[in-house]
């Protein structure tokens, strides 16, 4: 069984540039590894570009440290945001093609994160494109898989930065 964003599906061609493990619900560990490789390094690169282009832009600030920060950024935020994202995607999928739903979701998350720091949305839209793709793809395997895969991918994505926030805030 292939996911809704495989190359042959309605509306999926727009996102066909994404690797198959992200678009097909076959190998969860491979999908998570590919998701991390697509989200973390690229979002760090986007953050670098944004910092070069807009050097004085306010950065997101996390007023927390230690295990609390690690828990909130790696577990709580990914689960809470995935629940919201999934609910919105389920509605968007009733109105739009899977690819359009994914694009609208990532745009919405970019806007939402820009409210915390104006340029943050320029960085965050990309990881949420991948998380939304995972949701839509794994939905064919059930709602638990649809929610679990992006939540885990999001937690993995947040882990390196959360570790620095938690234990080495002066490096950020």
N, C-alpha and C. Protein backbone atom coordinates (compact mmCIF):
# COMPACT_ATOMS: atom_id res chain seq x y z
N UNK A 1 0.85 -1.17 0.00
CA UNK A 1 0.00 0.00 0.00
C UNK A 1 0.90 1.24 0.00
N UNK A 2 0.61 2.16 -0.89
CA UNK A 2 1.41 3.38 -0.94
C UNK A 2 0.67 4.52 -0.27
N UNK A 3 1.41 5.54 0.12
CA UNK A 3 0.83 6.69 0.78
C UNK A 3 0.15 7.61 -0.20
N UNK A 4 -0.57 8.57 0.33
CA UNK A 4 -1.33 9.49 -0.50
C UNK A 4 -0.44 10.44 -1.28
N UNK A 5 0.82 10.50 -0.96
CA UNK A 5 1.70 11.42 -1.67
C UNK A 5 2.67 10.71 -2.59
N UNK A 6 2.39 9.45 -2.91
CA UNK A 6 3.26 8.77 -3.86
C UNK A 6 3.05 9.39 -5.23
N UNK A 7 3.98 9.17 -6.12
CA UNK A 7 4.01 9.87 -7.40
C UNK A 7 2.73 9.73 -8.20
N UNK A 8 2.02 8.63 -8.10
CA UNK A 8 0.85 8.42 -8.92
C UNK A 8 -0.43 8.99 -8.35
N UNK A 9 -0.42 9.49 -7.14
CA UNK A 9 -1.65 9.93 -6.51
C UNK A 9 -2.03 11.34 -6.93
N UNK A 10 -3.34 11.61 -6.83
CA UNK A 10 -3.90 12.92 -7.15
C UNK A 10 -3.25 14.00 -6.27
N UNK A 11 -2.63 14.98 -6.90
CA UNK A 11 -2.05 16.09 -6.16
C UNK A 11 -0.68 15.80 -5.59
N UNK A 12 -0.19 14.59 -5.68
CA UNK A 12 1.08 14.24 -5.07
C UNK A 12 2.28 14.64 -5.90
N UNK A 13 2.09 14.88 -7.19
CA UNK A 13 3.23 15.17 -8.06
C UNK A 13 3.97 16.43 -7.65
N UNK A 14 3.27 17.39 -7.07
CA UNK A 14 3.90 18.63 -6.64
C UNK A 14 5.00 18.37 -5.60
N UNK A 15 4.83 17.34 -4.80
CA UNK A 15 5.80 17.01 -3.77
C UNK A 15 6.63 15.78 -4.13
N UNK A 16 6.63 15.40 -5.40
CA UNK A 16 7.35 14.20 -5.81
C UNK A 16 8.87 14.36 -5.70
N UNK A 17 9.36 15.58 -5.49
CA UNK A 17 10.79 15.78 -5.30
C UNK A 17 11.26 15.24 -3.94
N UNK A 18 10.32 15.04 -3.02
CA UNK A 18 10.68 14.49 -1.71
C UNK A 18 11.03 13.01 -1.85
N UNK A 19 11.98 12.54 -1.06
CA UNK A 19 12.37 11.13 -1.16
C UNK A 19 11.21 10.18 -0.85
N UNK A 20 11.21 9.04 -1.49
CA UNK A 20 10.15 8.04 -1.32
C UNK A 20 9.89 7.65 0.13
N UNK A 21 10.92 7.50 0.98
CA UNK A 21 10.61 7.11 2.37
C UNK A 21 9.70 8.10 3.10
N UNK A 22 9.66 9.34 2.64
CA UNK A 22 8.79 10.35 3.23
C UNK A 22 7.38 10.24 2.64
N UNK A 23 7.29 9.81 1.40
CA UNK A 23 6.01 9.78 0.69
C UNK A 23 5.32 8.42 0.70
N UNK A 24 5.98 7.39 1.18
CA UNK A 24 5.39 6.05 1.19
C UNK A 24 5.51 5.44 2.59
N UNK A 25 4.41 4.95 3.13
CA UNK A 25 4.39 4.45 4.51
C UNK A 25 4.88 3.01 4.62
N UNK A 26 6.14 2.79 4.32
CA UNK A 26 6.64 1.42 4.29
C UNK A 26 7.64 1.10 5.39
N UNK A 27 8.61 1.97 5.60
CA UNK A 27 9.70 1.71 6.54
C UNK A 27 9.79 2.87 7.54
N UNK A 28 9.16 2.72 8.70
CA UNK A 28 9.10 3.85 9.63
C UNK A 28 10.46 4.37 10.08
N UNK A 29 11.41 3.48 10.38
CA UNK A 29 12.72 3.97 10.85
C UNK A 29 13.46 4.70 9.74
N UNK A 30 13.38 4.21 8.53
CA UNK A 30 14.01 4.91 7.41
C UNK A 30 13.32 6.26 7.18
N UNK A 31 11.99 6.27 7.26
CA UNK A 31 11.26 7.53 7.07
C UNK A 31 11.68 8.55 8.12
N UNK A 32 11.85 8.12 9.36
CA UNK A 32 12.26 9.05 10.43
C UNK A 32 13.69 9.55 10.21
N UNK A 33 14.58 8.66 9.78
CA UNK A 33 15.96 9.08 9.51
C UNK A 33 16.01 10.09 8.36
N UNK A 34 15.28 9.80 7.30
CA UNK A 34 15.25 10.71 6.15
C UNK A 34 14.59 12.03 6.56
N UNK A 35 13.53 11.95 7.37
CA UNK A 35 12.87 13.17 7.83
C UNK A 35 13.85 14.05 8.60
N UNK A 36 14.63 13.45 9.49
CA UNK A 36 15.60 14.24 10.25
C UNK A 36 16.63 14.87 9.32
N UNK A 37 17.13 14.09 8.37
CA UNK A 37 18.12 14.62 7.43
C UNK A 37 17.55 15.73 6.55
N UNK A 38 16.26 15.67 6.31
CA UNK A 38 15.62 16.72 5.51
C UNK A 38 15.24 17.94 6.34
N UNK A 39 15.02 17.75 7.63
CA UNK A 39 14.56 18.89 8.42
C UNK A 39 15.69 19.63 9.13
N UNK A 40 16.45 18.93 9.93
CA UNK A 40 17.41 19.63 10.78
C UNK A 40 18.51 20.35 10.00
N UNK A 41 19.28 19.66 9.17
CA UNK A 41 20.35 20.39 8.46
C UNK A 41 19.82 21.50 7.55
N UNK A 42 18.68 21.25 6.90
CA UNK A 42 18.15 22.28 6.00
C UNK A 42 17.62 23.47 6.79
N UNK A 43 16.96 23.22 7.92
CA UNK A 43 16.47 24.36 8.71
C UNK A 43 17.63 25.15 9.32
N UNK A 44 18.71 24.48 9.68
CA UNK A 44 19.90 25.20 10.17
C UNK A 44 20.48 26.06 9.05
N UNK A 45 20.52 25.51 7.84
CA UNK A 45 21.01 26.29 6.69
C UNK A 45 20.08 27.48 6.42
N UNK A 46 18.77 27.26 6.47
CA UNK A 46 17.82 28.37 6.28
C UNK A 46 18.01 29.43 7.35
N UNK A 47 18.22 29.01 8.59
CA UNK A 47 18.46 29.96 9.68
C UNK A 47 19.72 30.78 9.42
N UNK A 48 20.75 30.13 8.89
CA UNK A 48 21.98 30.85 8.56
C UNK A 48 21.76 31.88 7.47
N UNK A 49 21.01 31.51 6.45
CA UNK A 49 20.72 32.45 5.36
C UNK A 49 19.90 33.62 5.89
N UNK A 50 18.87 33.32 6.68
CA UNK A 50 18.04 34.39 7.24
C UNK A 50 18.88 35.32 8.10
N UNK A 51 19.80 34.76 8.90
CA UNK A 51 20.68 35.59 9.75
C UNK A 51 21.61 36.47 8.93
N UNK A 52 22.05 35.97 7.77
CA UNK A 52 22.91 36.78 6.90
C UNK A 52 22.13 37.89 6.22
N UNK A 53 20.92 37.58 5.78
CA UNK A 53 20.11 38.55 5.06
C UNK A 53 19.50 39.57 6.01
N UNK A 54 19.07 39.12 7.20
CA UNK A 54 18.44 40.00 8.18
C UNK A 54 19.16 39.81 9.52
N UNK A 55 20.37 40.36 9.63
CA UNK A 55 21.19 40.06 10.82
C UNK A 55 20.62 40.57 12.15
N UNK A 56 19.83 41.61 12.13
CA UNK A 56 19.31 42.17 13.38
C UNK A 56 17.92 41.65 13.75
N UNK A 57 17.43 40.68 13.01
CA UNK A 57 16.09 40.15 13.29
C UNK A 57 16.07 39.43 14.63
N UNK A 58 15.00 39.62 15.39
CA UNK A 58 14.90 38.92 16.68
C UNK A 58 14.85 37.41 16.47
N UNK A 59 15.53 36.71 17.33
CA UNK A 59 15.57 35.25 17.28
C UNK A 59 14.60 34.68 18.31
N UNK A 60 14.14 33.45 18.08
CA UNK A 60 13.29 32.84 19.12
C UNK A 60 14.06 32.71 20.43
N UNK A 61 13.36 32.93 21.52
CA UNK A 61 13.99 32.84 22.84
C UNK A 61 13.23 31.82 23.67
N UNK A 62 13.97 30.95 24.31
CA UNK A 62 13.37 29.91 25.15
C UNK A 62 13.82 30.16 26.58
N UNK A 63 12.91 30.61 27.40
CA UNK A 63 13.21 30.94 28.79
C UNK A 63 13.03 29.70 29.66
N UNK A 64 13.91 28.73 29.44
CA UNK A 64 13.86 27.48 30.19
C UNK A 64 15.22 26.82 30.08
N UNK A 65 15.45 25.84 30.95
CA UNK A 65 16.73 25.13 30.88
C UNK A 65 16.55 23.75 31.51
N UNK A 66 17.60 22.96 31.41
CA UNK A 66 17.64 21.64 32.03
C UNK A 66 16.65 20.66 31.43
N UNK A 67 16.29 19.67 32.24
CA UNK A 67 15.40 18.61 31.79
C UNK A 67 14.02 19.13 31.41
N UNK A 68 13.59 20.20 32.07
CA UNK A 68 12.30 20.81 31.72
C UNK A 68 12.32 21.27 30.27
N UNK A 69 13.37 21.96 29.88
CA UNK A 69 13.50 22.43 28.50
C UNK A 69 13.53 21.26 27.54
N UNK A 70 14.31 20.26 27.87
CA UNK A 70 14.40 19.08 27.01
C UNK A 70 13.03 18.44 26.83
N UNK A 71 12.30 18.25 27.93
CA UNK A 71 10.96 17.64 27.85
C UNK A 71 10.00 18.51 27.04
N UNK A 72 9.97 19.81 27.33
CA UNK A 72 9.03 20.69 26.64
C UNK A 72 9.31 20.78 25.14
N UNK A 73 10.59 20.84 24.77
CA UNK A 73 10.94 21.03 23.36
C UNK A 73 10.99 19.73 22.56
N UNK A 74 11.26 18.61 23.22
CA UNK A 74 11.42 17.34 22.50
C UNK A 74 10.18 16.46 22.59
N UNK A 75 9.41 16.60 23.65
CA UNK A 75 8.23 15.75 23.82
C UNK A 75 6.94 16.58 23.73
N UNK A 76 6.77 17.53 24.65
CA UNK A 76 5.50 18.24 24.74
C UNK A 76 5.16 19.02 23.47
N UNK A 77 6.05 19.90 23.03
CA UNK A 77 5.76 20.73 21.85
C UNK A 77 5.50 19.89 20.60
N UNK A 78 6.33 18.88 20.30
CA UNK A 78 6.04 18.07 19.12
C UNK A 78 4.69 17.34 19.20
N UNK A 79 4.34 16.82 20.37
CA UNK A 79 3.05 16.12 20.49
C UNK A 79 1.90 17.12 20.36
N UNK A 80 1.97 18.22 21.08
CA UNK A 80 0.90 19.22 21.03
C UNK A 80 0.75 19.79 19.62
N UNK A 81 1.86 20.15 19.00
CA UNK A 81 1.79 20.74 17.66
C UNK A 81 1.33 19.71 16.63
N UNK A 82 1.69 18.45 16.80
CA UNK A 82 1.24 17.41 15.88
C UNK A 82 -0.26 17.18 16.01
N UNK A 83 -0.78 17.23 17.23
CA UNK A 83 -2.23 17.10 17.41
C UNK A 83 -2.97 18.23 16.69
N UNK A 84 -2.46 19.45 16.82
CA UNK A 84 -3.08 20.59 16.13
C UNK A 84 -2.91 20.44 14.62
N UNK A 85 -1.68 20.15 14.18
CA UNK A 85 -1.39 20.01 12.76
C UNK A 85 -2.26 18.92 12.14
N UNK A 86 -2.35 17.78 12.82
CA UNK A 86 -3.13 16.66 12.28
C UNK A 86 -4.61 17.00 12.16
N UNK A 87 -5.14 17.66 13.17
CA UNK A 87 -6.54 18.07 13.11
C UNK A 87 -6.81 19.00 11.94
N UNK A 88 -5.93 19.97 11.77
CA UNK A 88 -6.06 20.91 10.65
C UNK A 88 -5.90 20.18 9.32
N UNK A 89 -4.94 19.28 9.24
CA UNK A 89 -4.73 18.53 7.99
C UNK A 89 -5.94 17.67 7.64
N UNK A 90 -6.56 17.07 8.63
CA UNK A 90 -7.74 16.25 8.35
C UNK A 90 -8.85 17.10 7.72
N UNK A 91 -8.98 18.35 8.15
CA UNK A 91 -9.95 19.26 7.53
C UNK A 91 -9.47 19.67 6.14
N UNK A 92 -8.20 20.06 6.02
CA UNK A 92 -7.67 20.49 4.72
C UNK A 92 -7.77 19.39 3.68
N UNK A 93 -7.59 18.14 4.09
CA UNK A 93 -7.67 17.02 3.15
C UNK A 93 -9.09 16.80 2.61
N UNK A 94 -10.07 17.31 3.31
CA UNK A 94 -11.45 17.24 2.82
C UNK A 94 -11.71 18.31 1.76
N UNK A 95 -10.88 19.35 1.76
CA UNK A 95 -11.10 20.50 0.89
C UNK A 95 -10.12 20.59 -0.28
N UNK A 96 -8.93 20.01 -0.10
CA UNK A 96 -7.86 20.18 -1.08
C UNK A 96 -7.19 18.84 -1.37
N UNK A 97 -6.36 18.85 -2.39
CA UNK A 97 -5.54 17.67 -2.69
C UNK A 97 -4.53 17.47 -1.56
N UNK A 98 -3.96 16.28 -1.42
CA UNK A 98 -2.96 16.06 -0.37
C UNK A 98 -1.78 17.04 -0.45
N UNK A 99 -1.28 17.29 -1.65
CA UNK A 99 -0.14 18.21 -1.78
C UNK A 99 -0.52 19.62 -1.35
N UNK A 100 -1.70 20.08 -1.76
CA UNK A 100 -2.15 21.42 -1.37
C UNK A 100 -2.34 21.49 0.14
N UNK A 101 -2.88 20.44 0.74
CA UNK A 101 -3.07 20.42 2.19
C UNK A 101 -1.73 20.52 2.91
N UNK A 102 -0.74 19.79 2.43
CA UNK A 102 0.61 19.83 3.02
C UNK A 102 1.20 21.22 2.90
N UNK A 103 1.09 21.83 1.72
CA UNK A 103 1.64 23.17 1.51
C UNK A 103 0.94 24.21 2.38
N UNK A 104 -0.38 24.13 2.48
CA UNK A 104 -1.11 25.07 3.33
C UNK A 104 -0.76 24.88 4.80
N UNK A 105 -0.59 23.65 5.21
CA UNK A 105 -0.20 23.37 6.60
C UNK A 105 1.16 23.98 6.91
N UNK A 106 2.13 23.75 6.04
CA UNK A 106 3.48 24.28 6.30
C UNK A 106 3.49 25.81 6.29
N UNK A 107 2.70 26.39 5.41
CA UNK A 107 2.59 27.85 5.38
C UNK A 107 1.96 28.36 6.68
N UNK A 108 0.92 27.70 7.13
CA UNK A 108 0.28 28.08 8.39
C UNK A 108 1.22 28.00 9.57
N UNK A 109 2.03 26.93 9.63
CA UNK A 109 2.98 26.80 10.73
C UNK A 109 4.08 27.84 10.65
N UNK A 110 4.48 28.20 9.42
CA UNK A 110 5.45 29.27 9.27
C UNK A 110 4.91 30.58 9.81
N UNK A 111 3.66 30.89 9.49
CA UNK A 111 3.03 32.11 9.98
C UNK A 111 2.89 32.06 11.50
N UNK A 112 2.44 30.94 12.03
CA UNK A 112 2.26 30.81 13.48
C UNK A 112 3.57 31.02 14.23
N UNK A 113 4.66 30.43 13.73
CA UNK A 113 5.95 30.59 14.41
C UNK A 113 6.51 31.99 14.22
N UNK A 114 6.12 32.68 13.16
CA UNK A 114 6.57 34.06 12.97
C UNK A 114 6.01 34.99 14.03
N UNK A 115 4.94 34.59 14.66
CA UNK A 115 4.37 35.41 15.73
C UNK A 115 5.29 35.43 16.95
N UNK A 116 6.10 34.39 17.12
CA UNK A 116 7.06 34.35 18.22
C UNK A 116 8.32 35.14 17.91
N UNK A 117 8.78 35.05 16.69
CA UNK A 117 9.93 35.81 16.20
C UNK A 117 9.68 35.96 14.69
N UNK A 118 9.63 37.18 14.18
CA UNK A 118 9.18 37.41 12.80
C UNK A 118 9.86 36.56 11.72
N UNK A 119 11.13 36.31 11.84
CA UNK A 119 11.80 35.55 10.78
C UNK A 119 11.80 34.04 11.03
N UNK A 120 11.33 33.61 12.19
CA UNK A 120 11.33 32.19 12.52
C UNK A 120 10.50 31.39 11.51
N UNK A 121 9.43 31.98 11.04
CA UNK A 121 8.58 31.30 10.06
C UNK A 121 9.30 31.00 8.76
N UNK A 122 10.30 31.82 8.41
CA UNK A 122 11.08 31.57 7.20
C UNK A 122 11.91 30.29 7.32
N UNK A 123 12.16 29.88 8.54
CA UNK A 123 12.94 28.68 8.80
C UNK A 123 12.03 27.48 9.06
N UNK A 124 10.95 27.70 9.77
CA UNK A 124 10.11 26.62 10.27
C UNK A 124 9.18 26.02 9.23
N UNK A 125 8.85 26.75 8.17
CA UNK A 125 7.93 26.21 7.17
C UNK A 125 8.46 24.91 6.58
N UNK A 126 9.77 24.82 6.38
CA UNK A 126 10.34 23.63 5.74
C UNK A 126 10.18 22.37 6.60
N UNK A 127 10.58 22.38 7.88
CA UNK A 127 10.34 21.17 8.68
C UNK A 127 8.86 20.80 8.73
N UNK A 128 7.98 21.79 8.78
CA UNK A 128 6.56 21.47 8.84
C UNK A 128 6.03 20.96 7.50
N UNK A 129 6.70 21.25 6.41
CA UNK A 129 6.36 20.63 5.13
C UNK A 129 6.62 19.12 5.25
N UNK A 130 7.74 18.77 5.85
CA UNK A 130 8.09 17.35 6.01
C UNK A 130 7.15 16.70 7.03
N UNK A 131 6.91 17.34 8.17
CA UNK A 131 6.02 16.76 9.18
C UNK A 131 4.61 16.57 8.61
N UNK A 132 4.12 17.54 7.86
CA UNK A 132 2.78 17.43 7.26
C UNK A 132 2.75 16.32 6.23
N UNK A 133 3.82 16.19 5.47
CA UNK A 133 3.91 15.10 4.49
C UNK A 133 3.86 13.76 5.19
N UNK A 134 4.59 13.63 6.29
CA UNK A 134 4.55 12.38 7.04
C UNK A 134 3.13 12.07 7.53
N UNK A 135 2.45 13.08 8.04
CA UNK A 135 1.09 12.87 8.52
C UNK A 135 0.21 12.32 7.39
N UNK A 136 0.21 13.00 6.26
CA UNK A 136 -0.65 12.60 5.14
C UNK A 136 -0.25 11.22 4.63
N UNK A 137 1.04 10.96 4.53
CA UNK A 137 1.52 9.67 4.05
C UNK A 137 1.12 8.53 4.98
N UNK A 138 1.37 8.69 6.27
CA UNK A 138 1.14 7.60 7.22
C UNK A 138 -0.33 7.48 7.63
N UNK A 139 -1.15 8.42 7.23
CA UNK A 139 -2.58 8.34 7.50
C UNK A 139 -3.18 7.07 6.90
N UNK A 140 -2.63 6.62 5.79
CA UNK A 140 -3.14 5.39 5.16
C UNK A 140 -2.91 4.17 6.04
N UNK A 141 -2.02 4.27 7.01
CA UNK A 141 -1.75 3.17 7.95
C UNK A 141 -2.53 3.34 9.25
N UNK A 142 -3.33 4.40 9.35
CA UNK A 142 -4.15 4.63 10.54
C UNK A 142 -3.80 5.95 11.20
N UNK A 143 -4.73 6.43 12.02
CA UNK A 143 -4.52 7.73 12.68
C UNK A 143 -3.38 7.69 13.68
N UNK A 144 -3.18 6.57 14.36
CA UNK A 144 -2.07 6.49 15.31
C UNK A 144 -0.74 6.69 14.58
N UNK A 145 -0.55 6.02 13.46
CA UNK A 145 0.68 6.19 12.68
C UNK A 145 0.77 7.60 12.12
N UNK A 146 -0.37 8.16 11.69
CA UNK A 146 -0.39 9.51 11.14
C UNK A 146 0.07 10.54 12.15
N UNK A 147 -0.32 10.35 13.42
CA UNK A 147 0.10 11.29 14.45
C UNK A 147 1.48 10.95 15.00
N UNK A 148 1.80 9.67 15.12
CA UNK A 148 3.07 9.27 15.73
C UNK A 148 4.28 9.63 14.88
N UNK A 149 4.22 9.38 13.59
CA UNK A 149 5.40 9.60 12.74
C UNK A 149 5.85 11.07 12.73
N UNK A 150 4.96 12.04 12.49
CA UNK A 150 5.45 13.42 12.52
C UNK A 150 5.82 13.88 13.93
N UNK A 151 5.14 13.38 14.95
CA UNK A 151 5.50 13.78 16.32
C UNK A 151 6.91 13.30 16.66
N UNK A 152 7.23 12.07 16.30
CA UNK A 152 8.57 11.54 16.55
C UNK A 152 9.60 12.30 15.72
N UNK A 153 9.28 12.51 14.44
CA UNK A 153 10.20 13.26 13.57
C UNK A 153 10.43 14.67 14.11
N UNK A 154 9.39 15.30 14.60
CA UNK A 154 9.49 16.65 15.16
C UNK A 154 10.36 16.64 16.42
N UNK A 155 10.16 15.65 17.27
CA UNK A 155 10.99 15.53 18.48
C UNK A 155 12.46 15.33 18.13
N UNK A 156 12.72 14.48 17.14
CA UNK A 156 14.11 14.26 16.69
C UNK A 156 14.69 15.54 16.11
N UNK A 157 13.88 16.24 15.34
CA UNK A 157 14.32 17.51 14.75
C UNK A 157 14.69 18.52 15.85
N UNK A 158 13.87 18.58 16.90
CA UNK A 158 14.10 19.55 17.97
C UNK A 158 15.24 19.16 18.90
N UNK A 159 15.59 17.88 18.96
CA UNK A 159 16.52 17.41 19.98
C UNK A 159 17.87 18.14 19.99
N UNK A 160 18.60 18.27 18.88
CA UNK A 160 19.91 18.93 18.98
C UNK A 160 19.83 20.36 19.53
N UNK A 161 18.88 21.14 19.04
CA UNK A 161 18.74 22.51 19.52
C UNK A 161 18.23 22.53 20.95
N UNK A 162 17.30 21.64 21.28
CA UNK A 162 16.78 21.57 22.64
C UNK A 162 17.87 21.20 23.63
N UNK A 163 18.77 20.33 23.23
CA UNK A 163 19.89 19.95 24.09
C UNK A 163 20.75 21.16 24.40
N UNK A 164 21.01 21.98 23.38
CA UNK A 164 21.79 23.21 23.59
C UNK A 164 21.03 24.19 24.48
N UNK A 165 19.74 24.37 24.22
CA UNK A 165 18.92 25.26 25.06
C UNK A 165 18.94 24.77 26.51
N UNK A 166 18.81 23.46 26.68
CA UNK A 166 18.70 22.88 28.01
C UNK A 166 19.99 22.96 28.81
N UNK A 167 21.12 22.68 28.16
CA UNK A 167 22.36 22.51 28.91
C UNK A 167 23.49 23.47 28.53
N UNK A 168 23.40 24.12 27.37
CA UNK A 168 24.45 25.03 26.92
C UNK A 168 23.82 26.28 26.30
N UNK A 169 22.98 26.99 27.04
CA UNK A 169 22.27 28.15 26.45
C UNK A 169 23.20 29.26 25.98
N UNK A 170 24.40 29.35 26.52
CA UNK A 170 25.33 30.41 26.09
C UNK A 170 25.85 30.17 24.68
N UNK A 171 25.74 28.97 24.16
CA UNK A 171 26.19 28.68 22.80
C UNK A 171 25.19 29.13 21.74
N UNK A 172 23.98 29.40 22.17
CA UNK A 172 22.94 29.76 21.20
C UNK A 172 22.87 31.27 21.05
